[in-house]
Amino acid sequence: MRRPVSEAAHSGGSRPVEDARRPGPPIDIRDLQECEACGTKMYGLHCKIVCPNCGYKRDCSDP
């Protein structure tokens, strides 16, 4: 008995080839910044960039 294509593509735990070609979600440059005080990855909150570790804050318009 033959399996449907969708089952055959997923057998063995590998992902289908078409998933590898899809672009990921857009990257916000604010998500890539590290805290100047402690080095923890900061996150964006409205127009502020905040460190969850030490509380350091930057405005998104700061260079």
PDB file of N, CA and C in Angstrom:
ATOM      1  N   MET A   1       0.836  -1.171   0.000  1.00  0.00           N
ATOM      2  CA  MET A   1       0.000   0.000   0.000  1.00  0.00           C
ATOM      3  C   MET A   1       0.887   1.242   0.000  1.00  0.00           C
ATOM      4  N   ARG A   2       0.589   2.178  -0.861  1.00  0.00           N
ATOM      5  CA  ARG A   2       1.385   3.402  -0.967  1.00  0.00           C
ATOM      6  C   ARG A   2       0.911   4.438   0.041  1.00  0.00           C
ATOM      7  N   ARG A   3       1.870   5.166   0.594  1.00  0.00           N
ATOM      8  CA  ARG A   3       1.525   6.241   1.525  1.00  0.00           C
ATOM      9  C   ARG A   3       1.282   7.526   0.739  1.00  0.00           C
ATOM     10  N   PRO A   4       0.436   8.411   1.251  1.00  0.00           N
ATOM     11  CA  PRO A   4       0.270   9.718   0.597  1.00  0.00           C
ATOM     12  C   PRO A   4       1.601  10.465   0.582  1.00  0.00           C
ATOM     13  N   VAL A   5       1.750  11.366  -0.363  1.00  0.00           N
ATOM     14  CA  VAL A   5       3.002  12.104  -0.529  1.00  0.00           C
ATOM     15  C   VAL A   5       3.368  12.865   0.735  1.00  0.00           C
ATOM     16  N   SER A   6       2.398  13.465   1.409  1.00  0.00           N
ATOM     17  CA  SER A   6       2.713  14.246   2.606  1.00  0.00           C
ATOM     18  C   SER A   6       3.338  13.375   3.688  1.00  0.00           C
ATOM     19  N   GLU A   7       2.889  12.134   3.853  1.00  0.00           N
ATOM     20  CA  GLU A   7       3.487  11.236   4.836  1.00  0.00           C
ATOM     21  C   GLU A   7       4.879  10.799   4.403  1.00  0.00           C
ATOM     22  N   ALA A   8       5.043  10.536   3.127  1.00  0.00           N
ATOM     23  CA  ALA A   8       6.339  10.095   2.623  1.00  0.00           C
ATOM     24  C   ALA A   8       7.380  11.198   2.776  1.00  0.00           C
ATOM     25  N   ALA A   9       6.976  12.454   2.569  1.00  0.00           N
ATOM     26  CA  ALA A   9       7.913  13.571   2.680  1.00  0.00           C
ATOM     27  C   ALA A   9       8.365  13.783   4.116  1.00  0.00           C
ATOM     28  N   HIS A  10       7.528  13.413   5.080  1.00  0.00           N
ATOM     29  CA  HIS A  10       7.855  13.648   6.474  1.00  0.00           C
ATOM     30  C   HIS A  10       8.431  12.423   7.171  1.00  0.00           C
ATOM     31  N   SER A  11       8.546  11.305   6.489  1.00  0.00           N
ATOM     32  CA  SER A  11       9.082  10.114   7.146  1.00  0.00           C
ATOM     33  C   SER A  11      10.563  10.304   7.438  1.00  0.00           C
ATOM     34  N   GLY A  12      11.015   9.739   8.523  1.00  0.00           N
ATOM     35  CA  GLY A  12      12.421   9.851   8.885  1.00  0.00           C
ATOM     36  C   GLY A  12      12.745  11.116   9.644  1.00  0.00           C
ATOM     37  N   GLY A  13      11.754  11.951   9.935  1.00  0.00           N
ATOM     38  CA  GLY A  13      11.971  13.152  10.719  1.00  0.00           C
ATOM     39  C   GLY A  13      12.562  14.314   9.944  1.00  0.00           C
ATOM     40  N   SER A  14      12.733  14.192   8.628  1.00  0.00           N
ATOM     41  CA  SER A  14      13.282  15.310   7.872  1.00  0.00           C
ATOM     42  C   SER A  14      12.171  16.220   7.380  1.00  0.00           C
ATOM     43  N   ARG A  15      12.521  17.491   7.217  1.00  0.00           N
ATOM     44  CA  ARG A  15      11.539  18.454   6.735  1.00  0.00           C
ATOM     45  C   ARG A  15      11.482  18.415   5.215  1.00  0.00           C
ATOM     46  N   PRO A  16      10.334  18.749   4.633  1.00  0.00           N
ATOM     47  CA  PRO A  16      10.244  18.817   3.171  1.00  0.00           C
ATOM     48  C   PRO A  16      11.200  19.870   2.619  1.00  0.00           C
ATOM     49  N   VAL A  17      11.675  19.670   1.402  1.00  0.00           N
ATOM     50  CA  VAL A  17      12.643  20.567   0.781  1.00  0.00           C
ATOM     51  C   VAL A  17      12.092  21.974   0.643  1.00  0.00           C
ATOM     52  N   GLU A  18      10.815  22.118   0.307  1.00  0.00           N
ATOM     53  CA  GLU A  18      10.262  23.452   0.087  1.00  0.00           C
ATOM     54  C   GLU A  18      10.322  24.331   1.330  1.00  0.00           C
ATOM     55  N   ASP A  19      10.347  23.751   2.543  1.00  0.00           N
ATOM     56  CA  ASP A  19      10.458  24.544   3.759  1.00  0.00           C
ATOM     57  C   ASP A  19      11.821  25.229   3.856  1.00  0.00           C
ATOM     58  N   ALA A  20      12.858  24.609   3.330  1.00  0.00           N
ATOM     59  CA  ALA A  20      14.202  25.163   3.421  1.00  0.00           C
ATOM     60  C   ALA A  20      14.349  26.419   2.574  1.00  0.00           C
ATOM     61  N   ARG A  21      13.520  26.584   1.565  1.00  0.00           N
ATOM     62  CA  ARG A  21      13.638  27.730   0.671  1.00  0.00           C
ATOM     63  C   ARG A  21      12.785  28.915   1.100  1.00  0.00           C
ATOM     64  N   ARG A  22      11.910  28.726   2.050  1.00  0.00           N
ATOM     65  CA  ARG A  22      11.049  29.825   2.490  1.00  0.00           C
ATOM     66  C   ARG A  22      11.851  30.798   3.337  1.00  0.00           C
ATOM     67  N   PRO A  23      11.666  32.118   3.095  1.00  0.00           N
ATOM     68  CA  PRO A  23      12.376  33.091   3.926  1.00  0.00           C
ATOM     69  C   PRO A  23      11.806  33.108   5.336  1.00  0.00           C
ATOM     70  N   GLY A  24      12.641  33.397   6.289  1.00  0.00           N
ATOM     71  CA  GLY A  24      12.195  33.490   7.673  1.00  0.00           C
ATOM     72  C   GLY A  24      11.464  34.800   7.910  1.00  0.00           C
ATOM     73  N   PRO A  25      11.017  35.011   9.123  1.00  0.00           N
ATOM     74  CA  PRO A  25      10.334  36.261   9.432  1.00  0.00           C
ATOM     75  C   PRO A  25      11.306  37.424   9.341  1.00  0.00           C
ATOM     76  N   PRO A  26      10.794  38.632   9.085  1.00  0.00           N
ATOM     77  CA  PRO A  26      11.689  39.784   9.007  1.00  0.00           C
ATOM     78  C   PRO A  26      12.413  39.991  10.337  1.00  0.00           C
ATOM     79  N   ILE A  27      13.635  40.453  10.259  1.00  0.00           N
ATOM     80  CA  ILE A  27      14.438  40.677  11.459  1.00  0.00           C
ATOM     81  C   ILE A  27      14.439  42.163  11.783  1.00  0.00           C
ATOM     82  N   ASP A  28      14.055  42.506  12.989  1.00  0.00           N
ATOM     83  CA  ASP A  28      14.091  43.886  13.461  1.00  0.00           C
ATOM     84  C   ASP A  28      15.483  44.130  14.027  1.00  0.00           C
ATOM     85  N   ILE A  29      16.160  45.152  13.516  1.00  0.00           N
ATOM     86  CA  ILE A  29      17.539  45.400  13.942  1.00  0.00           C
ATOM     87  C   ILE A  29      17.631  45.641  15.441  1.00  0.00           C
ATOM     88  N   ARG A  30      16.545  46.129  16.053  1.00  0.00           N
ATOM     89  CA  ARG A  30      16.557  46.342  17.502  1.00  0.00           C
ATOM     90  C   ARG A  30      16.667  45.020  18.253  1.00  0.00           C
ATOM     91  N   ASP A  31      16.245  43.926  17.641  1.00  0.00           N
ATOM     92  CA  ASP A  31      16.332  42.615  18.286  1.00  0.00           C
ATOM     93  C   ASP A  31      17.763  42.082  18.320  1.00  0.00           C
ATOM     94  N   LEU A  32      18.667  42.701  17.581  1.00  0.00           N
ATOM     95  CA  LEU A  32      20.030  42.202  17.482  1.00  0.00           C
ATOM     96  C   LEU A  32      20.997  42.934  18.405  1.00  0.00           C
ATOM     97  N   GLN A  33      20.514  43.949  19.137  1.00  0.00           N
ATOM     98  CA  GLN A  33      21.402  44.757  19.954  1.00  0.00           C
ATOM     99  C   GLN A  33      21.654  44.129  21.313  1.00  0.00           C
ATOM    100  N   GLU A  34      22.865  44.317  21.801  1.00  0.00           N
ATOM    101  CA  GLU A  34      23.230  43.855  23.134  1.00  0.00           C
ATOM    102  C   GLU A  34      23.311  45.062  24.052  1.00  0.00           C
ATOM    103  N   CYS A  35      23.002  44.843  25.308  1.00  0.00           N
ATOM    104  CA  CYS A  35      23.048  45.891  26.322  1.00  0.00           C
ATOM    105  C   CYS A  35      24.486  46.382  26.477  1.00  0.00           C
ATOM    106  N   GLU A  36      24.663  47.703  26.492  1.00  0.00           N
ATOM    107  CA  GLU A  36      25.996  48.278  26.666  1.00  0.00           C
ATOM    108  C   GLU A  36      26.508  48.087  28.090  1.00  0.00           C
ATOM    109  N   ALA A  37      25.602  47.916  29.039  1.00  0.00           N
ATOM    110  CA  ALA A  37      25.989  47.791  30.444  1.00  0.00           C
ATOM    111  C   ALA A  37      26.359  46.357  30.831  1.00  0.00           C
ATOM    112  N   CYS A  38      25.556  45.363  30.373  1.00  0.00           N
ATOM    113  CA  CYS A  38      25.794  43.989  30.848  1.00  0.00           C
ATOM    114  C   CYS A  38      25.933  42.950  29.733  1.00  0.00           C
ATOM    115  N   GLY A  39      25.652  43.312  28.472  1.00  0.00           N
ATOM    116  CA  GLY A  39      25.836  42.391  27.354  1.00  0.00           C
ATOM    117  C   GLY A  39      24.661  41.479  27.048  1.00  0.00           C
ATOM    118  N   THR A  40      23.549  41.606  27.784  1.00  0.00           N
ATOM    119  CA  THR A  40      22.361  40.787  27.543  1.00  0.00           C
ATOM    120  C   THR A  40      21.643  41.275  26.289  1.00  0.00           C
ATOM    121  N   LYS A  41      20.993  40.374  25.570  1.00  0.00           N
ATOM    122  CA  LYS A  41      20.224  40.738  24.386  1.00  0.00           C
ATOM    123  C   LYS A  41      19.050  41.625  24.805  1.00  0.00           C
ATOM    124  N   MET A  42      18.916  42.790  24.161  1.00  0.00           N
ATOM    125  CA  MET A  42      17.856  43.738  24.484  1.00  0.00           C
ATOM    126  C   MET A  42      16.646  43.484  23.598  1.00  0.00           C
ATOM    127  N   TYR A  43      15.494  43.973  23.999  1.00  0.00           N
ATOM    128  CA  TYR A  43      14.286  43.824  23.202  1.00  0.00           C
ATOM    129  C   TYR A  43      13.628  45.176  22.995  1.00  0.00           C
ATOM    130  N   GLY A  44      12.866  45.306  21.888  1.00  0.00           N
ATOM    131  CA  GLY A  44      12.178  46.542  21.562  1.00  0.00           C
ATOM    132  C   GLY A  44      10.821  46.613  22.238  1.00  0.00           C
ATOM    133  N   LEU A  45      10.490  47.792  22.764  1.00  0.00           N
ATOM    134  CA  LEU A  45       9.199  48.042  23.389  1.00  0.00           C
ATOM    135  C   LEU A  45       8.764  49.421  22.933  1.00  0.00           C
ATOM    136  N   HIS A  46       7.852  49.467  21.959  1.00  0.00           N
ATOM    137  CA  HIS A  46       7.424  50.706  21.303  1.00  0.00           C
ATOM    138  C   HIS A  46       8.666  51.359  20.703  1.00  0.00           C
ATOM    139  N   CYS A  47       9.030  52.552  21.138  1.00  0.00           N
ATOM    140  CA  CYS A  47      10.229  53.195  20.582  1.00  0.00           C
ATOM    141  C   CYS A  47      11.356  53.203  21.614  1.00  0.00           C
ATOM    142  N   LYS A  48      11.387  52.211  22.441  1.00  0.00           N
ATOM    143  CA  LYS A  48      12.447  52.058  23.439  1.00  0.00           C
ATOM    144  C   LYS A  48      13.099  50.696  23.238  1.00  0.00           C
ATOM    145  N   ILE A  49      14.365  50.599  23.601  1.00  0.00           N
ATOM    146  CA  ILE A  49      15.079  49.331  23.590  1.00  0.00           C
ATOM    147  C   ILE A  49      15.479  49.073  25.039  1.00  0.00           C
ATOM    148  N   VAL A  50      15.037  47.949  25.595  1.00  0.00           N
ATOM    149  CA  VAL A  50      15.161  47.689  27.026  1.00  0.00           C
ATOM    150  C   VAL A  50      15.953  46.409  27.283  1.00  0.00           C
ATOM    151  N   CYS A  51      16.805  46.450  28.295  1.00  0.00           N
ATOM    152  CA  CYS A  51      17.534  45.260  28.732  1.00  0.00           C
ATOM    153  C   CYS A  51      16.731  44.570  29.824  1.00  0.00           C
ATOM    154  N   PRO A  52      16.366  43.303  29.624  1.00  0.00           N
ATOM    155  CA  PRO A  52      15.592  42.597  30.643  1.00  0.00           C
ATOM    156  C   PRO A  52      16.425  42.224  31.875  1.00  0.00           C
ATOM    157  N   ASN A  53      17.753  42.261  31.757  1.00  0.00           N
ATOM    158  CA  ASN A  53      18.623  41.869  32.864  1.00  0.00           C
ATOM    159  C   ASN A  53      18.868  43.021  33.843  1.00  0.00           C
ATOM    160  N   CYS A  54      19.322  44.168  33.334  1.00  0.00           N
ATOM    161  CA  CYS A  54      19.703  45.262  34.231  1.00  0.00           C
ATOM    162  C   CYS A  54      18.782  46.477  34.142  1.00  0.00           C
ATOM    163  N   GLY A  55      17.861  46.496  33.158  1.00  0.00           N
ATOM    164  CA  GLY A  55      16.912  47.600  33.045  1.00  0.00           C
ATOM    165  C   GLY A  55      17.407  48.782  32.231  1.00  0.00           C
ATOM    166  N   TYR A  56      18.605  48.694  31.655  1.00  0.00           N
ATOM    167  CA  TYR A  56      19.134  49.776  30.821  1.00  0.00           C
ATOM    168  C   TYR A  56      18.177  50.035  29.665  1.00  0.00           C
ATOM    169  N   LYS A  57      17.935  51.323  29.345  1.00  0.00           N
ATOM    170  CA  LYS A  57      17.008  51.688  28.271  1.00  0.00           C
ATOM    171  C   LYS A  57      17.682  52.631  27.296  1.00  0.00           C
ATOM    172  N   ARG A  58      17.318  52.472  26.022  1.00  0.00           N
ATOM    173  CA  ARG A  58      17.747  53.386  24.963  1.00  0.00           C
ATOM    174  C   ARG A  58      16.533  53.752  24.150  1.00  0.00           C
ATOM    175  N   ASP A  59      16.549  54.934  23.577  1.00  0.00           N
ATOM    176  CA  ASP A  59      15.512  55.356  22.651  1.00  0.00           C
ATOM    177  C   ASP A  59      15.864  54.797  21.285  1.00  0.00           C
ATOM    178  N   CYS A  60      14.866  54.421  20.498  1.00  0.00           N
ATOM    179  CA  CYS A  60      15.150  53.806  19.195  1.00  0.00           C
ATOM    180  C   CYS A  60      15.808  54.779  18.223  1.00  0.00           C
ATOM    181  N   SER A  61      15.766  56.085  18.504  1.00  0.00           N
ATOM    182  CA  SER A  61      16.412  57.052  17.621  1.00  0.00           C
ATOM    183  C   SER A  61      17.864  57.307  18.017  1.00  0.00           C
ATOM    184  N   ASP A  62      18.323  56.749  19.154  1.00  0.00           N
ATOM    185  CA  ASP A  62      19.725  56.901  19.561  1.00  0.00           C
ATOM    186  C   ASP A  62      20.617  56.175  18.563  1.00  0.00           C
ATOM    187  N   PRO A  63      21.797  56.755  18.277  1.00  0.00           N
ATOM    188  CA  PRO A  63      22.696  56.095  17.315  1.00  0.00           C
ATOM    189  C   PRO A  63      23.304  54.818  17.842  1.00  0.00           C
TER     190      PRO A  63
END
